[in-house]
Amino acid sequence: MSYENSARIINDDIFDLVNETFSQEKSSRNNEWRLNFFDTYNKYFVLTDDGSYSINSKEINHKVETLHTSTGAISESFEKFIKPMKFNYDEDIAILDICAGLGYNSSAALSDFMKNSTANLTIDMAEISKATLACGLLVPSPIPEHDITKKAIEDELIAQDYATLSLETAKIPENININVFIEDARQTVQKLEDDTYDAIFLDPFSQNMAPELFSVEFFKEFRRLIKDDGIIATYTSSAPVRAGFIEADFYIGLGPIFGRMQGGTLASPNPEMLDWSLPKNDEIRIALSDVGIPFRDPGLNNSSEYILDERTEERHNARHNTKISSAVKTPIFLGQEMDDEKLKRRVERNLSKMNIPSTTSDEAYYIVEVENDYSEKQDSENNSRNRILKMKKRLKKVKK
């Protein structure tokens, strides 16, 4: 199976139907195939609470999910990817949209920009699946700006001989430039110029499906591409993802909570662009636990399976050597009295392997002492990145 087929996430049935529709359009040059698609196959689309449509994923671990939160697909784009940004709309703006999907994140960016600026906007969209982008042409547009995004998608699908007819009538404004890259995003980022982007939207379906798009090496490309005051936004609160950003020389902060129990993640080269710290226990687990081992993709060309297997091996080797075991969330109990004797025995058995006698030992207090300065509002000195690095350093000293 090709990487494109293994990486695409949309439901197998709709994937086949979309490919067949555009193949028929090509052979017949009849616009009815595309125009009738949504009405004919609307059961494959999922109406979310704000009136915008999502699509079901293929079956993953015996489970099918939608590509967006049921709370609202287009609302999710505005809340998670637009509101956290601190654009200077007096200047030109450039955005990189990774895993562009149906085009909602880019469309939300267009909407916000067109209401606030007369400068120039560049959006570079990266999406490996032609069929997924084609679905963006087939769903009803949730906002008018999605029609502009559709036009850019259609132009590229025609250029790549996937679509045939030019049916999208929206005009792309002269001050807006939208480029669509239909390929592995790891290839895309290596082509792009340094210090280009004010924002990067990182929106793969999941870290377990696409760890290659959450790797340290991929984030190092982001570090090269993003401006000093730029912000990366992603929906995930995953410890390995946050750890990967730190290893790639980013500061990190808490992203908005929308449709999930936890907030996403923001990253920037500049700590002053990030307002809110990660939750305290998240910082402790990233710093001290093997769950904070990031994904690695040396060469930016490895398979998802290879990356996941290598991380599992690295976690195994680090556990009890350089990292505290993540079992029963052991590190979060450092510096705390424990009343549950059974849990306490398990926690302190894990700690003893790292030369930490108990949760209330001097060593335990020493490691997490930096959290005494924790503040939800972070600044250039007192922030999640700095606290995590200090705790990592102290754990290393205690283990020696």
Protein backbone atom coordinates (compact mmCIF):
# COMPACT_ATOMS: atom_id res chain seq x y z
CA MET A 1 0.00 0.00 0.00
CA SER A 2 1.30 3.44 -0.91
CA TYR A 3 2.00 6.02 1.78
CA GLU A 4 -0.80 8.18 0.33
CA ASN A 5 -3.37 5.42 0.77
CA SER A 6 -2.17 4.47 4.24
CA ALA A 7 -2.01 8.10 5.37
CA ARG A 8 -5.44 9.20 4.18
CA ILE A 9 -8.05 9.07 6.90
CA ILE A 10 -11.50 9.36 5.29
CA ASN A 11 -13.94 6.46 5.27
CA ASP A 12 -13.18 3.76 2.70
CA ASP A 13 -16.62 3.98 1.12
CA ILE A 14 -16.58 7.72 0.54
CA PHE A 15 -12.96 7.54 -0.60
CA ASP A 16 -13.98 5.12 -3.36
CA LEU A 17 -17.11 7.09 -4.25
CA VAL A 18 -15.23 10.38 -4.53
CA ASN A 19 -12.55 8.84 -6.73
CA GLU A 20 -15.20 7.26 -8.94
CA THR A 21 -17.12 10.54 -9.21
CA PHE A 22 -14.11 12.50 -10.42
CA SER A 23 -13.12 9.67 -12.76
CA GLN A 24 -16.59 9.78 -14.30
CA GLU A 25 -16.40 13.57 -14.54
CA LYS A 26 -13.14 13.18 -16.44
CA SER A 27 -14.42 10.58 -18.88
CA SER A 28 -17.84 12.16 -19.50
CA ARG A 29 -17.04 15.85 -18.94
CA ASN A 30 -20.48 16.00 -17.33
CA ASN A 31 -20.83 18.30 -14.32
CA GLU A 32 -23.78 16.33 -12.92
CA TRP A 33 -21.47 13.81 -11.24
CA ARG A 34 -20.03 16.44 -8.93
CA LEU A 35 -23.15 18.60 -8.57
CA ASN A 36 -25.32 15.67 -7.47
CA PHE A 37 -22.78 14.01 -5.20
CA PHE A 38 -23.78 15.54 -1.86
CA ASP A 39 -27.50 14.96 -2.30
CA THR A 40 -26.90 11.39 -3.39
CA TYR A 41 -24.38 10.42 -0.74
CA ASN A 42 -25.13 12.79 2.15
CA LYS A 43 -25.33 9.83 4.54
CA TYR A 44 -21.54 9.75 4.44
CA PHE A 45 -21.35 13.33 5.73
CA VAL A 46 -21.91 14.23 9.38
CA LEU A 47 -23.82 17.38 10.33
CA THR A 48 -22.18 19.03 13.35
CA ASP A 49 -23.86 21.31 15.87
CA ASP A 50 -22.97 24.57 14.12
CA GLY A 51 -24.47 23.45 10.80
CA SER A 52 -21.18 22.58 9.09
CA TYR A 53 -20.41 19.09 7.83
CA SER A 54 -17.66 16.66 8.71
CA ILE A 55 -16.84 13.19 7.37
CA ASN A 56 -16.41 9.85 9.08
CA SER A 57 -12.95 8.40 9.35
CA LYS A 58 -12.00 4.95 8.23
CA GLU A 59 -12.18 2.31 10.94
CA ILE A 60 -9.29 2.65 13.37
CA ASN A 61 -8.94 0.15 16.20
CA HIS A 62 -12.51 -1.00 15.51
CA LYS A 63 -13.78 2.55 15.92
CA VAL A 64 -15.05 5.18 13.47
CA GLU A 65 -14.81 8.86 14.37
CA THR A 66 -15.59 12.11 12.61
CA LEU A 67 -12.76 14.28 11.32
CA HIS A 68 -14.03 17.19 13.43
CA THR A 69 -15.67 17.63 16.81
CA SER A 70 -19.45 17.20 16.86
CA THR A 71 -19.64 20.58 18.59
CA GLY A 72 -18.97 22.25 15.25
CA ALA A 73 -16.51 21.62 12.44
CA ILE A 74 -16.05 25.22 11.26
CA SER A 75 -16.36 26.56 14.82
CA GLU A 76 -13.47 24.32 15.78
CA SER A 77 -11.33 26.00 13.12
CA PHE A 78 -12.05 29.46 14.47
CA GLU A 79 -11.68 28.51 18.13
CA LYS A 80 -8.54 26.36 17.95
CA PHE A 81 -6.64 27.83 15.05
CA ILE A 82 -7.66 31.47 14.62
CA LYS A 83 -8.48 32.89 18.04
CA PRO A 84 -5.07 32.00 19.58
CA MET A 85 -3.21 33.91 16.87
CA LYS A 86 -1.80 37.41 17.40
CA PHE A 87 -1.64 38.61 13.83
CA ASN A 88 -0.51 42.12 13.01
CA TYR A 89 -3.04 42.90 10.31
CA ASP A 90 -1.19 46.04 9.31
CA GLU A 91 1.40 43.74 7.71
CA ASP A 92 1.33 40.89 5.21
CA ILE A 93 0.45 37.50 6.71
CA ALA A 94 1.63 34.00 5.74
CA ILE A 95 0.06 30.78 7.03
CA LEU A 96 1.03 27.12 6.59
CA ASP A 97 -1.93 24.73 6.92
CA ILE A 98 -0.74 21.15 7.51
CA CYS A 99 -3.35 18.44 6.79
CA ALA A 100 -5.68 20.96 5.18
CA GLY A 101 -8.45 18.38 4.75
CA LEU A 102 -11.73 19.98 3.70
CA GLY A 103 -10.16 23.44 3.82
CA TYR A 104 -11.96 24.67 6.94
CA ASN A 105 -8.91 26.00 8.79
CA SER A 106 -7.71 27.95 5.77
CA SER A 107 -11.23 29.26 5.18
CA ALA A 108 -11.48 30.47 8.77
CA ALA A 109 -8.14 32.25 8.32
CA LEU A 110 -9.45 33.86 5.13
CA SER A 111 -12.59 35.03 6.90
CA ASP A 112 -10.70 36.61 9.78
CA PHE A 113 -8.15 38.22 7.49
CA MET A 114 -10.69 39.69 5.08
CA LYS A 115 -12.56 41.32 7.97
CA ASN A 116 -9.43 42.88 9.46
CA SER A 117 -6.88 43.62 6.75
CA THR A 118 -6.25 45.03 3.30
CA ALA A 119 -2.65 43.76 3.25
CA ASN A 120 -1.56 40.54 1.51
CA LEU A 121 -2.29 37.01 2.69
CA THR A 122 -0.51 33.83 1.63
CA ILE A 123 -1.86 30.44 2.64
CA ASP A 124 0.10 27.28 1.82
CA MET A 125 -2.11 24.21 2.24
CA ALA A 126 -0.59 20.74 2.52
CA GLU A 127 -2.76 17.62 2.20
CA ILE A 128 -1.66 14.21 0.98
CA SER A 129 -5.07 12.93 -0.13
CA LYS A 130 -6.65 14.20 -3.34
CA ALA A 131 -9.95 12.57 -2.37
CA THR A 132 -10.00 14.38 0.97
CA LEU A 133 -9.44 17.73 -0.73
CA ALA A 134 -12.12 16.79 -3.26
CA CYS A 135 -14.54 16.24 -0.38
CA GLY A 136 -13.95 19.90 0.40
CA LEU A 137 -15.45 20.70 -2.99
CA LEU A 138 -18.46 18.47 -2.35
CA VAL A 139 -19.63 19.65 1.07
CA PRO A 140 -21.83 22.74 1.40
CA SER A 141 -19.65 25.73 2.29
CA PRO A 142 -20.12 26.60 5.98
CA ILE A 143 -18.92 30.19 5.43
CA PRO A 144 -18.60 32.27 2.24
CA GLU A 145 -14.80 32.23 2.38
CA HIS A 146 -14.84 28.46 1.96
CA ASP A 147 -15.86 29.09 -1.66
CA ILE A 148 -12.53 30.87 -2.18
CA THR A 149 -10.68 27.92 -0.69
CA LYS A 150 -12.67 25.58 -2.92
CA LYS A 151 -11.52 27.51 -5.98
CA ALA A 152 -7.86 27.09 -5.01
CA ILE A 153 -8.38 23.38 -4.31
CA GLU A 154 -10.18 22.84 -7.60
CA ASP A 155 -7.46 24.61 -9.57
CA GLU A 156 -4.81 22.31 -8.12
CA LEU A 157 -6.89 19.15 -8.57
CA ILE A 158 -7.33 20.12 -12.23
CA ALA A 159 -3.60 20.81 -12.55
CA GLN A 160 -2.93 17.31 -11.21
CA ASP A 161 -5.46 15.76 -13.63
CA TYR A 162 -7.79 14.59 -10.85
CA ALA A 163 -10.66 17.02 -11.51
CA THR A 164 -11.60 18.08 -15.02
CA LEU A 165 -14.27 20.78 -14.95
CA SER A 166 -13.88 24.25 -13.50
CA LEU A 167 -17.16 24.53 -11.58
CA GLU A 168 -16.15 26.81 -8.72
CA THR A 169 -17.14 30.38 -9.52
CA ALA A 170 -15.61 32.25 -6.58
CA LYS A 171 -12.85 34.72 -7.37
CA ILE A 172 -9.67 34.67 -5.34
CA PRO A 173 -8.96 38.29 -4.33
CA GLU A 174 -5.82 39.84 -5.79
CA ASN A 175 -4.25 40.31 -2.35
CA ILE A 176 -4.69 36.63 -1.47
CA ASN A 177 -2.43 33.83 -2.69
CA ILE A 178 -3.39 30.22 -1.93
CA ASN A 179 -1.00 27.39 -2.82
CA VAL A 180 -2.11 23.76 -2.50
CA PHE A 181 0.52 21.03 -2.06
CA ILE A 182 -0.92 17.54 -2.57
CA GLU A 183 1.85 15.40 -1.14
CA ASP A 184 3.48 14.18 2.05
CA ALA A 185 3.77 17.30 4.22
CA ARG A 186 7.28 16.19 5.19
CA GLN A 187 8.29 16.80 1.58
CA THR A 188 6.45 20.10 1.47
CA VAL A 189 8.16 21.67 4.47
CA GLN A 190 11.62 20.91 3.14
CA LYS A 191 10.86 23.00 0.02
CA LEU A 192 9.75 26.10 1.90
CA GLU A 193 11.85 29.13 2.78
CA ASP A 194 13.18 30.06 6.21
CA ASP A 195 11.45 32.60 8.43
CA THR A 196 8.28 32.68 6.31
CA TYR A 197 5.19 31.97 8.39
CA ASP A 198 3.26 33.94 10.97
CA ALA A 199 1.23 30.85 11.81
CA ILE A 200 1.30 27.10 11.27
CA PHE A 201 -1.87 25.06 11.68
CA LEU A 202 -1.05 21.44 12.54
CA ASP A 203 -4.17 19.31 12.15
CA PRO A 204 -3.45 15.60 11.48
CA PHE A 205 -6.17 13.20 12.56
CA SER A 206 -4.19 11.68 15.44
CA GLN A 207 -0.66 11.13 16.65
CA ASN A 208 -1.07 7.37 16.49
CA MET A 209 -2.21 7.53 12.87
CA ALA A 210 0.43 10.04 11.78
CA PRO A 211 3.30 10.25 14.29
CA GLU A 212 5.52 11.37 11.40
CA LEU A 213 3.69 14.72 11.48
CA PHE A 214 4.40 15.15 15.19
CA SER A 215 8.09 14.25 15.24
CA VAL A 216 10.99 16.28 16.59
CA GLU A 217 12.50 16.44 13.11
CA PHE A 218 9.26 17.73 11.59
CA PHE A 219 9.05 20.37 14.33
CA LYS A 220 12.64 21.40 13.61
CA GLU A 221 11.49 22.20 10.09
CA PHE A 222 8.75 24.33 11.66
CA ARG A 223 11.39 26.10 13.74
CA ARG A 224 13.21 27.00 10.55
CA LEU A 225 10.08 28.12 8.74
CA ILE A 226 8.30 30.15 11.38
CA LYS A 227 8.94 33.80 12.18
CA ASP A 228 10.28 34.75 15.61
CA ASP A 229 6.83 35.92 16.71
CA GLY A 230 4.92 33.16 14.91
CA ILE A 231 2.59 30.69 16.59
CA ILE A 232 1.91 27.02 15.88
CA ALA A 233 -1.51 25.70 16.88
CA THR A 234 -2.56 22.07 17.20
CA TYR A 235 -5.57 20.47 18.85
CA THR A 236 -3.64 17.80 20.77
CA SER A 237 -2.60 17.87 24.42
CA SER A 238 -0.35 14.85 23.96
CA ALA A 239 2.77 14.66 26.13
CA PRO A 240 5.09 13.36 23.36
CA VAL A 241 3.93 16.14 21.03
CA ARG A 242 4.59 18.82 23.64
CA ALA A 243 7.94 17.23 24.48
CA GLY A 244 8.80 17.24 20.78
CA PHE A 245 8.15 20.96 20.52
CA ILE A 246 10.46 21.63 23.46
CA GLU A 247 13.23 19.48 21.99
CA ALA A 248 12.83 21.39 18.70
CA ASP A 249 13.50 24.65 20.60
CA PHE A 250 9.96 25.96 21.03
CA TYR A 251 8.20 27.42 24.01
CA ILE A 252 4.81 25.84 24.60
CA GLY A 253 1.51 26.92 26.07
CA LEU A 254 -2.06 25.80 26.55
CA GLY A 255 -4.38 26.11 23.57
CA PRO A 256 -8.14 26.67 23.63
CA ILE A 257 -10.56 24.09 24.96
CA PHE A 258 -13.30 23.38 22.43
CA GLY A 259 -15.24 20.17 22.03
CA ARG A 260 -12.74 18.30 24.22
CA MET A 261 -11.95 17.93 27.90
CA GLN A 262 -8.47 19.39 27.51
CA GLY A 263 -6.99 22.35 25.70
CA GLY A 264 -4.74 21.95 22.69
CA THR A 265 -1.15 23.10 22.38
CA LEU A 266 0.42 26.32 21.16
CA ALA A 267 4.12 26.67 20.37
CA SER A 268 6.31 29.64 19.50
CA PRO A 269 9.97 30.65 19.41
CA ASN A 270 8.91 33.63 21.53
CA PRO A 271 7.50 32.91 25.01
CA GLU A 272 5.75 36.25 25.07
CA MET A 273 3.39 35.05 22.33
CA LEU A 274 1.97 32.37 24.65
CA ASP A 275 -0.33 33.44 27.48
CA TRP A 276 -1.19 30.30 29.40
CA SER A 277 0.93 27.58 31.00
CA LEU A 278 0.24 23.91 30.58
CA PRO A 279 -1.48 22.30 33.58
CA LYS A 280 1.01 21.61 36.35
CA ASN A 281 0.65 17.81 36.20
CA ASP A 282 1.19 17.88 32.43
CA GLU A 283 4.49 19.71 32.96
CA ILE A 284 5.59 17.16 35.55
CA ARG A 285 4.76 14.15 33.37
CA ILE A 286 6.49 15.61 30.29
CA ALA A 287 9.61 16.44 32.31
CA LEU A 288 9.94 13.31 34.38
CA SER A 289 7.99 10.42 32.87
CA ASP A 290 8.69 8.13 29.93
CA VAL A 291 5.39 9.36 28.47
CA GLY A 292 7.36 12.53 27.63
CA ILE A 293 9.52 10.70 25.07
CA PRO A 294 8.78 12.40 21.72
CA PHE A 295 8.29 10.89 18.29
CA ARG A 296 11.39 10.73 16.10
CA ASP A 297 11.64 10.53 12.32
CA PRO A 298 15.31 10.86 11.29
CA GLY A 299 15.46 11.63 7.60
CA LEU A 300 11.78 12.63 7.55
CA ASN A 301 10.99 9.50 5.56
CA ASN A 302 10.09 6.72 7.98
CA SER A 303 6.80 4.85 8.22
CA SER A 304 4.27 5.44 10.98
CA GLU A 305 4.87 1.91 12.26
CA TYR A 306 8.62 2.43 12.45
CA ILE A 307 8.24 5.70 14.36
CA LEU A 308 5.79 4.20 16.86
CA ASP A 309 7.96 1.12 17.39
CA GLU A 310 11.10 3.19 17.89
CA ARG A 311 9.36 5.39 20.46
CA THR A 312 8.14 2.31 22.33
CA GLU A 313 11.72 1.02 22.44
CA GLU A 314 13.07 4.39 23.57
CA ARG A 315 10.46 4.56 26.33
CA HIS A 316 11.40 1.06 27.48
CA ASN A 317 15.10 1.95 27.61
CA ALA A 318 14.48 5.25 29.41
CA ARG A 319 12.14 3.83 32.05
CA HIS A 320 13.93 3.54 35.42
CA ASN A 321 17.14 4.86 33.80
CA THR A 322 16.59 8.46 32.72
CA LYS A 323 12.82 8.69 33.22
CA ILE A 324 10.40 7.75 35.97
CA SER A 325 7.91 5.07 34.97
CA SER A 326 4.64 6.48 33.67
CA ALA A 327 2.74 3.64 35.36
CA VAL A 328 -0.04 4.96 37.64
CA LYS A 329 1.14 8.48 36.69
CA THR A 330 3.91 8.11 39.24
CA PRO A 331 5.65 11.51 38.83
CA ILE A 332 2.59 13.61 39.69
CA PHE A 333 2.73 12.32 43.29
CA LEU A 334 6.18 13.78 43.96
CA GLY A 335 6.05 16.09 46.98
CA GLN A 336 2.64 14.79 48.08
CA GLU A 337 1.39 12.72 51.00
CA MET A 338 -0.48 9.62 49.83
CA ASP A 339 -3.36 8.04 51.76
CA ASP A 340 -3.99 5.14 49.40
CA GLU A 341 -1.47 2.60 50.70
CA LYS A 342 -1.74 0.22 47.75
CA LEU A 343 -1.18 3.01 45.23
CA LYS A 344 1.58 4.46 47.41
CA ARG A 345 3.51 1.18 47.35
CA ARG A 346 3.35 1.07 43.55
CA VAL A 347 4.40 4.69 43.20
CA GLU A 348 7.29 4.43 45.62
CA ARG A 349 8.49 1.19 44.03
CA ASN A 350 8.80 3.09 40.76
CA LEU A 351 10.49 6.05 42.46
CA SER A 352 13.04 3.90 44.27
CA LYS A 353 14.44 2.78 40.91
CA MET A 354 15.33 6.43 40.25
CA ASN A 355 17.00 6.95 43.65
CA ILE A 356 13.95 8.73 45.06
CA PRO A 357 13.10 7.10 48.43
CA SER A 358 9.51 8.35 48.72
CA THR A 359 7.05 10.93 47.48
CA THR A 360 7.95 13.17 50.42
CA SER A 361 11.70 12.64 50.42
CA ASP A 362 14.18 15.49 50.03
CA GLU A 363 14.88 14.23 46.53
CA ALA A 364 11.21 14.38 45.59
CA TYR A 365 10.80 17.93 46.88
CA TYR A 366 14.00 19.00 45.15
CA ILE A 367 12.86 17.77 41.74
CA VAL A 368 9.44 19.44 41.74
CA GLU A 369 10.46 22.53 43.73
CA VAL A 370 10.36 24.57 40.53
CA GLU A 371 6.59 24.04 40.42
CA ASN A 372 6.28 26.21 43.52
CA ASP A 373 6.59 29.15 41.12
CA TYR A 374 3.84 27.80 38.85
CA SER A 375 1.48 30.37 37.45
CA GLU A 376 -1.32 29.82 34.94
CA LYS A 377 -0.31 33.09 33.28
CA GLN A 378 3.19 32.60 31.92
CA ASP A 379 5.89 35.05 30.88
CA SER A 380 9.37 35.06 29.36
CA GLU A 381 11.00 33.64 32.49
CA ASN A 382 8.35 31.71 34.35
CA ASN A 383 6.86 29.38 31.76
CA SER A 384 6.15 25.74 31.00
CA ARG A 385 9.27 25.17 28.90
CA ASN A 386 11.66 26.52 31.51
CA ARG A 387 10.03 24.60 34.36
CA ILE A 388 10.07 21.35 32.37
CA LEU A 389 13.76 21.71 31.50
CA LYS A 390 14.65 22.51 35.12
CA MET A 391 12.83 19.41 36.38
CA LYS A 392 14.53 17.23 33.77
CA LYS A 393 17.91 18.55 34.91
CA ARG A 394 17.13 17.92 38.57
CA LEU A 395 15.93 14.37 37.91
CA LYS A 396 19.17 13.63 36.10
CA LYS A 397 21.15 14.96 39.05
CA VAL A 398 19.19 12.86 41.55
CA LYS A 399 19.55 9.68 39.47
CA LYS A 400 23.32 10.09 39.37
